[in-house]
Amino acid sequence: MTLNQWTKSILLRLRPRPNRSNHTRVRAVVQGPAKLHATVNRIAMVFILCMLAEPILVSTAAGQANATAVPTAENALAADEELALAIRNNDVDAILRSLDDSWAVIATSGGVGEGPSIFPNGIKSGYLTRKTYELSEPRVRLYGDIALVTTKVKTSGVFQGKPFDVLERQTDVLRWTDGAWKCVLTHETKIENN
């Protein structure tokens, strides 16, 4: 139960219930100010307790969230989608945050590029500019702190001054380190048009 739900349940219990008989209703009117004063005191007490408890509950929840941050297929896919967004937006800083220092790429041409600065340097120099970068058909496999994320990638842009528009199957190898996924290897395979 969240703090908000708990507070509402307490306040609902404190709320006066409608009376069914005239006799009770008259007595309630006579005792109304005293009950009202008691109810206001209870509400004030609950409010004060909630204000005191909130920082404790929030810090406990935050601590539990950090303590339970573990590698999952869901957060591996989210990390891969975050990298894809950075690539699509030509966001050099976000790309670098997503790649491990040992990152390498196996290109569709069969060439190997090593180092996380390959894409960022290409973007900064104007050598490579992405216009689209769309992922589909994700397949995620988790092996402890290693995840394999295979997707279909539709990408277009300009490479070496020439426009490109290709469809690829790509596998990113992600490693869980310091509570986050980092891409250590990208393998691209071009899908030929039929």
C-alpha atoms as a PDB file:
ATOM      1  CA  MET A   1       0.000   0.000   0.000  1.00  0.00           C
ATOM      2  CA  THR A   2       1.416   3.386  -0.966  1.00  0.00           C
ATOM      3  CA  LEU A   3       1.583   6.291   1.447  1.00  0.00           C
ATOM      4  CA  ASN A   4      -1.183   8.048  -0.461  1.00  0.00           C
ATOM      5  CA  GLN A   5      -3.475   4.996  -0.302  1.00  0.00           C
ATOM      6  CA  TRP A   6      -2.744   4.546   3.410  1.00  0.00           C
ATOM      7  CA  THR A   7      -3.570   8.192   4.143  1.00  0.00           C
ATOM      8  CA  LYS A   8      -6.850   7.953   2.211  1.00  0.00           C
ATOM      9  CA  SER A   9      -7.882   4.796   4.062  1.00  0.00           C
ATOM     10  CA  ILE A  10      -7.185   6.460   7.430  1.00  0.00           C
ATOM     11  CA  LEU A  11      -9.128   9.582   6.461  1.00  0.00           C
ATOM     12  CA  LEU A  12     -12.076   7.493   5.246  1.00  0.00           C
ATOM     13  CA  ARG A  13     -12.213   5.738   8.627  1.00  0.00           C
ATOM     14  CA  LEU A  14     -12.238   9.101  10.409  1.00  0.00           C
ATOM     15  CA  ARG A  15     -15.063  10.516   8.295  1.00  0.00           C
ATOM     16  CA  PRO A  16     -18.410  10.664  10.183  1.00  0.00           C
ATOM     17  CA  ARG A  17     -20.905   8.159   8.809  1.00  0.00           C
ATOM     18  CA  PRO A  18     -24.428   9.297   7.954  1.00  0.00           C
ATOM     19  CA  ASN A  19     -26.945   8.497  10.672  1.00  0.00           C
ATOM     20  CA  ARG A  20     -30.116   6.607   9.868  1.00  0.00           C
ATOM     21  CA  SER A  21     -32.538   7.641  12.659  1.00  0.00           C
ATOM     22  CA  ASN A  22     -33.815  11.039  13.731  1.00  0.00           C
ATOM     23  CA  HIS A  23     -32.882  10.357  17.347  1.00  0.00           C
ATOM     24  CA  THR A  24     -29.269   9.727  16.409  1.00  0.00           C
ATOM     25  CA  ARG A  25     -29.254  12.717  14.104  1.00  0.00           C
ATOM     26  CA  VAL A  26     -30.392  15.046  16.889  1.00  0.00           C
ATOM     27  CA  ARG A  27     -27.776  13.640  19.247  1.00  0.00           C
ATOM     28  CA  ALA A  28     -25.129  14.162  16.576  1.00  0.00           C
ATOM     29  CA  VAL A  29     -26.120  17.786  16.292  1.00  0.00           C
ATOM     30  CA  VAL A  30     -25.796  18.223  20.044  1.00  0.00           C
ATOM     31  CA  GLN A  31     -22.449  16.456  20.097  1.00  0.00           C
ATOM     32  CA  GLY A  32     -21.344  17.859  16.707  1.00  0.00           C
ATOM     33  CA  PRO A  33     -18.789  20.453  17.828  1.00  0.00           C
ATOM     34  CA  ALA A  34     -17.061  17.991  20.170  1.00  0.00           C
ATOM     35  CA  LYS A  35     -16.943  15.297  17.479  1.00  0.00           C
ATOM     36  CA  LEU A  36     -15.804  17.828  14.933  1.00  0.00           C
ATOM     37  CA  HIS A  37     -12.995  18.938  17.231  1.00  0.00           C
ATOM     38  CA  ALA A  38     -11.967  15.293  17.825  1.00  0.00           C
ATOM     39  CA  THR A  39     -12.087  14.559  14.098  1.00  0.00           C
ATOM     40  CA  VAL A  40      -9.993  17.622  13.274  1.00  0.00           C
ATOM     41  CA  ASN A  41      -7.468  16.544  15.923  1.00  0.00           C
ATOM     42  CA  ARG A  42      -7.307  13.029  14.428  1.00  0.00           C
ATOM     43  CA  ILE A  43      -6.860  14.402  10.914  1.00  0.00           C
ATOM     44  CA  ALA A  44      -4.121  16.736  12.110  1.00  0.00           C
ATOM     45  CA  MET A  45      -2.381  13.836  13.876  1.00  0.00           C
ATOM     46  CA  VAL A  46      -2.576  11.648  10.755  1.00  0.00           C
ATOM     47  CA  PHE A  47      -1.256  14.517   8.629  1.00  0.00           C
ATOM     48  CA  ILE A  48       1.676  15.081  11.008  1.00  0.00           C
ATOM     49  CA  LEU A  49       2.474  11.350  11.087  1.00  0.00           C
ATOM     50  CA  CYS A  50       2.368  11.199   7.296  1.00  0.00           C
ATOM     51  CA  MET A  51       4.677  14.182   6.995  1.00  0.00           C
ATOM     52  CA  LEU A  52       7.124  12.556   9.415  1.00  0.00           C
ATOM     53  CA  ALA A  53       6.907   9.121   7.803  1.00  0.00           C
ATOM     54  CA  GLU A  54       7.176  10.244   4.178  1.00  0.00           C
ATOM     55  CA  PRO A  55      10.964  10.867   4.107  1.00  0.00           C
ATOM     56  CA  ILE A  56      11.567   7.514   5.784  1.00  0.00           C
ATOM     57  CA  LEU A  57       9.290   5.638   3.371  1.00  0.00           C
ATOM     58  CA  VAL A  58      10.701   7.420   0.310  1.00  0.00           C
ATOM     59  CA  SER A  59      14.325   6.782   1.284  1.00  0.00           C
ATOM     60  CA  THR A  60      13.508   3.143   2.065  1.00  0.00           C
ATOM     61  CA  ALA A  61      11.793   2.719  -1.301  1.00  0.00           C
ATOM     62  CA  ALA A  62      14.741   4.356  -3.092  1.00  0.00           C
ATOM     63  CA  GLY A  63      17.164   2.098  -1.255  1.00  0.00           C
ATOM     64  CA  GLN A  64      15.113  -0.946  -2.205  1.00  0.00           C
ATOM     65  CA  ALA A  65      15.006   0.168  -5.845  1.00  0.00           C
ATOM     66  CA  ASN A  66      18.813   0.471  -5.928  1.00  0.00           C
ATOM     67  CA  ALA A  67      19.271  -2.791  -4.064  1.00  0.00           C
ATOM     68  CA  THR A  68      16.970  -4.618  -6.467  1.00  0.00           C
ATOM     69  CA  ALA A  69      18.515  -3.206  -9.673  1.00  0.00           C
ATOM     70  CA  VAL A  70      19.443  -6.430 -11.402  1.00  0.00           C
ATOM     71  CA  PRO A  71      19.938  -7.391 -15.023  1.00  0.00           C
ATOM     72  CA  THR A  72      16.679  -8.359 -16.726  1.00  0.00           C
ATOM     73  CA  ALA A  73      15.620  -8.949 -20.307  1.00  0.00           C
ATOM     74  CA  GLU A  74      13.339  -5.917 -20.012  1.00  0.00           C
ATOM     75  CA  ASN A  75      16.031  -3.462 -18.918  1.00  0.00           C
ATOM     76  CA  ALA A  76      18.461  -4.934 -21.481  1.00  0.00           C
ATOM     77  CA  LEU A  77      15.955  -4.201 -24.260  1.00  0.00           C
ATOM     78  CA  ALA A  78      15.359  -0.731 -22.804  1.00  0.00           C
ATOM     79  CA  ALA A  79      19.128  -0.061 -22.846  1.00  0.00           C
ATOM     80  CA  ASP A  80      19.347  -1.218 -26.471  1.00  0.00           C
ATOM     81  CA  GLU A  81      16.411   1.032 -27.406  1.00  0.00           C
ATOM     82  CA  GLU A  82      18.121   3.932 -25.628  1.00  0.00           C
ATOM     83  CA  LEU A  83      21.261   3.338 -27.715  1.00  0.00           C
ATOM     84  CA  ALA A  84      19.124   3.189 -30.876  1.00  0.00           C
ATOM     85  CA  LEU A  85      17.508   6.512 -29.992  1.00  0.00           C
ATOM     86  CA  ALA A  86      20.934   8.091 -29.437  1.00  0.00           C
ATOM     87  CA  ILE A  87      22.126   6.797 -32.815  1.00  0.00           C
ATOM     88  CA  ARG A  88      18.952   7.993 -34.580  1.00  0.00           C
ATOM     89  CA  ASN A  89      19.372  11.447 -33.021  1.00  0.00           C
ATOM     90  CA  ASN A  90      23.119  11.571 -33.769  1.00  0.00           C
ATOM     91  CA  ASP A  91      23.554  12.236 -30.025  1.00  0.00           C
ATOM     92  CA  VAL A  92      27.283  11.802 -29.467  1.00  0.00           C
ATOM     93  CA  ASP A  93      27.174  12.006 -25.646  1.00  0.00           C
ATOM     94  CA  ALA A  94      24.306   9.514 -25.302  1.00  0.00           C
ATOM     95  CA  ILE A  95      26.045   7.077 -27.668  1.00  0.00           C
ATOM     96  CA  LEU A  96      29.230   7.246 -25.597  1.00  0.00           C
ATOM     97  CA  ARG A  97      27.253   6.642 -22.364  1.00  0.00           C
ATOM     98  CA  SER A  98      25.753   3.474 -23.863  1.00  0.00           C
ATOM     99  CA  LEU A  99      28.975   1.931 -25.177  1.00  0.00           C
ATOM    100  CA  ASP A 100      31.619   0.099 -23.169  1.00  0.00           C
ATOM    101  CA  ASP A 101      35.249   1.245 -23.507  1.00  0.00           C
ATOM    102  CA  SER A 102      36.019  -2.060 -25.232  1.00  0.00           C
ATOM    103  CA  TRP A 103      33.120  -1.758 -27.732  1.00  0.00           C
ATOM    104  CA  ALA A 104      33.607  -3.045 -31.269  1.00  0.00           C
ATOM    105  CA  VAL A 105      31.385  -3.275 -34.340  1.00  0.00           C
ATOM    106  CA  ILE A 106      31.321  -5.890 -37.081  1.00  0.00           C
ATOM    107  CA  ALA A 107      29.960  -3.922 -40.049  1.00  0.00           C
ATOM    108  CA  THR A 108      27.735  -5.267 -42.828  1.00  0.00           C
ATOM    109  CA  SER A 109      30.797  -5.117 -45.076  1.00  0.00           C
ATOM    110  CA  GLY A 110      32.632  -7.508 -42.738  1.00  0.00           C
ATOM    111  CA  GLY A 111      35.005  -4.858 -41.440  1.00  0.00           C
ATOM    112  CA  VAL A 112      35.778  -4.477 -37.748  1.00  0.00           C
ATOM    113  CA  GLY A 113      35.786  -1.141 -35.984  1.00  0.00           C
ATOM    114  CA  GLU A 114      36.997  -0.853 -32.410  1.00  0.00           C
ATOM    115  CA  GLY A 115      36.476   1.770 -29.749  1.00  0.00           C
ATOM    116  CA  PRO A 116      33.389   3.629 -28.577  1.00  0.00           C
ATOM    117  CA  SER A 117      34.398   6.831 -30.391  1.00  0.00           C
ATOM    118  CA  ILE A 118      33.882   5.391 -33.910  1.00  0.00           C
ATOM    119  CA  PHE A 119      30.265   6.570 -34.302  1.00  0.00           C
ATOM    120  CA  PRO A 120      30.719   9.824 -32.369  1.00  0.00           C
ATOM    121  CA  ASN A 121      33.839  10.781 -34.354  1.00  0.00           C
ATOM    122  CA  GLY A 122      32.064   9.959 -37.618  1.00  0.00           C
ATOM    123  CA  ILE A 123      29.082  12.085 -36.576  1.00  0.00           C
ATOM    124  CA  LYS A 124      31.245  15.023 -35.421  1.00  0.00           C
ATOM    125  CA  SER A 125      33.227  15.027 -38.685  1.00  0.00           C
ATOM    126  CA  GLY A 126      30.126  14.760 -40.874  1.00  0.00           C
ATOM    127  CA  TYR A 127      31.352  11.405 -42.217  1.00  0.00           C
ATOM    128  CA  LEU A 128      28.170   9.700 -40.923  1.00  0.00           C
ATOM    129  CA  THR A 129      24.734  11.182 -40.305  1.00  0.00           C
ATOM    130  CA  ARG A 130      21.724   9.039 -39.509  1.00  0.00           C
ATOM    131  CA  LYS A 131      18.283  10.156 -40.632  1.00  0.00           C
ATOM    132  CA  THR A 132      16.394   7.072 -39.460  1.00  0.00           C
ATOM    133  CA  TYR A 133      17.189   4.171 -37.170  1.00  0.00           C
ATOM    134  CA  GLU A 134      14.180   2.007 -36.389  1.00  0.00           C
ATOM    135  CA  LEU A 135      14.261  -1.248 -34.415  1.00  0.00           C
ATOM    136  CA  SER A 136      11.741  -4.057 -34.800  1.00  0.00           C
ATOM    137  CA  GLU A 137      11.382  -7.763 -34.032  1.00  0.00           C
ATOM    138  CA  PRO A 138      13.441  -7.715 -30.815  1.00  0.00           C
ATOM    139  CA  ARG A 139      14.821 -10.980 -29.448  1.00  0.00           C
ATOM    140  CA  VAL A 140      16.486 -10.808 -26.043  1.00  0.00           C
ATOM    141  CA  ARG A 141      18.436 -13.589 -24.360  1.00  0.00           C
ATOM    142  CA  LEU A 142      19.878 -13.131 -20.892  1.00  0.00           C
ATOM    143  CA  TYR A 143      22.903 -15.091 -19.626  1.00  0.00           C
ATOM    144  CA  GLY A 144      23.578 -13.736 -16.152  1.00  0.00           C
ATOM    145  CA  ASP A 145      25.203 -10.342 -16.615  1.00  0.00           C
ATOM    146  CA  ILE A 146      25.392 -10.716 -20.424  1.00  0.00           C
ATOM    147  CA  ALA A 147      22.471 -10.013 -22.761  1.00  0.00           C
ATOM    148  CA  LEU A 148      22.157 -10.646 -26.480  1.00  0.00           C
ATOM    149  CA  VAL A 149      19.681  -8.280 -28.138  1.00  0.00           C
ATOM    150  CA  THR A 150      18.934  -9.085 -31.768  1.00  0.00           C
ATOM    151  CA  THR A 151      16.718  -6.743 -33.779  1.00  0.00           C
ATOM    152  CA  LYS A 152      15.787  -5.868 -37.307  1.00  0.00           C
ATOM    153  CA  VAL A 153      17.098  -2.374 -38.078  1.00  0.00           C
ATOM    154  CA  LYS A 154      15.841  -0.039 -40.790  1.00  0.00           C
ATOM    155  CA  THR A 155      18.347   2.780 -41.117  1.00  0.00           C
ATOM    156  CA  SER A 156      19.088   5.590 -43.523  1.00  0.00           C
ATOM    157  CA  GLY A 157      21.351   8.589 -43.704  1.00  0.00           C
ATOM    158  CA  VAL A 158      24.546   9.779 -45.318  1.00  0.00           C
ATOM    159  CA  PHE A 159      27.842   7.854 -45.193  1.00  0.00           C
ATOM    160  CA  GLN A 160      30.984   9.254 -46.850  1.00  0.00           C
ATOM    161  CA  GLY A 161      28.843  11.836 -48.635  1.00  0.00           C
ATOM    162  CA  LYS A 162      26.540   9.190 -50.144  1.00  0.00           C
ATOM    163  CA  PRO A 163      22.971   8.479 -49.064  1.00  0.00           C
ATOM    164  CA  PHE A 164      22.155   5.019 -47.772  1.00  0.00           C
ATOM    165  CA  ASP A 165      18.949   3.200 -46.875  1.00  0.00           C
ATOM    166  CA  VAL A 166      19.459  -0.345 -45.606  1.00  0.00           C
ATOM    167  CA  LEU A 167      17.745  -3.098 -43.720  1.00  0.00           C
ATOM    168  CA  GLU A 168      19.893  -5.071 -41.290  1.00  0.00           C
ATOM    169  CA  ARG A 169      19.697  -7.765 -38.666  1.00  0.00           C
ATOM    170  CA  GLN A 170      21.793  -6.602 -35.733  1.00  0.00           C
ATOM    171  CA  THR A 171      22.933  -8.224 -32.515  1.00  0.00           C
ATOM    172  CA  ASP A 172      24.176  -6.120 -29.626  1.00  0.00           C
ATOM    173  CA  VAL A 173      26.063  -7.858 -26.837  1.00  0.00           C
ATOM    174  CA  LEU A 174      25.437  -6.010 -23.581  1.00  0.00           C
ATOM    175  CA  ARG A 175      27.292  -6.426 -20.293  1.00  0.00           C
ATOM    176  CA  TRP A 176      25.762  -5.504 -16.914  1.00  0.00           C
ATOM    177  CA  THR A 177      28.268  -3.395 -15.016  1.00  0.00           C
ATOM    178  CA  ASP A 178      27.843  -0.950 -12.124  1.00  0.00           C
ATOM    179  CA  GLY A 179      24.048  -1.326 -12.230  1.00  0.00           C
ATOM    180  CA  ALA A 180      23.630  -0.568 -15.945  1.00  0.00           C
ATOM    181  CA  TRP A 181      23.953  -2.184 -19.354  1.00  0.00           C
ATOM    182  CA  LYS A 182      26.850  -1.235 -21.653  1.00  0.00           C
ATOM    183  CA  CYS A 183      27.137  -2.436 -25.231  1.00  0.00           C
ATOM    184  CA  VAL A 184      30.427  -4.305 -25.794  1.00  0.00           C
ATOM    185  CA  LEU A 185      29.844  -5.599 -29.342  1.00  0.00           C
ATOM    186  CA  THR A 186      27.541  -4.839 -32.274  1.00  0.00           C
ATOM    187  CA  HIS A 187      27.292  -7.286 -35.156  1.00  0.00           C
ATOM    188  CA  GLU A 188      25.462  -6.133 -38.290  1.00  0.00           C
ATOM    189  CA  THR A 189      24.229  -8.301 -41.162  1.00  0.00           C
ATOM    190  CA  LYS A 190      22.681  -6.687 -44.232  1.00  0.00           C
ATOM    191  CA  ILE A 191      19.334  -8.071 -45.348  1.00  0.00           C
ATOM    192  CA  GLU A 192      19.277  -8.133 -49.142  1.00  0.00           C
ATOM    193  CA  ASN A 193      16.127  -6.952 -50.924  1.00  0.00           C
ATOM    194  CA  ASN A 194      14.200  -9.800 -52.475  1.00  0.00           C
END
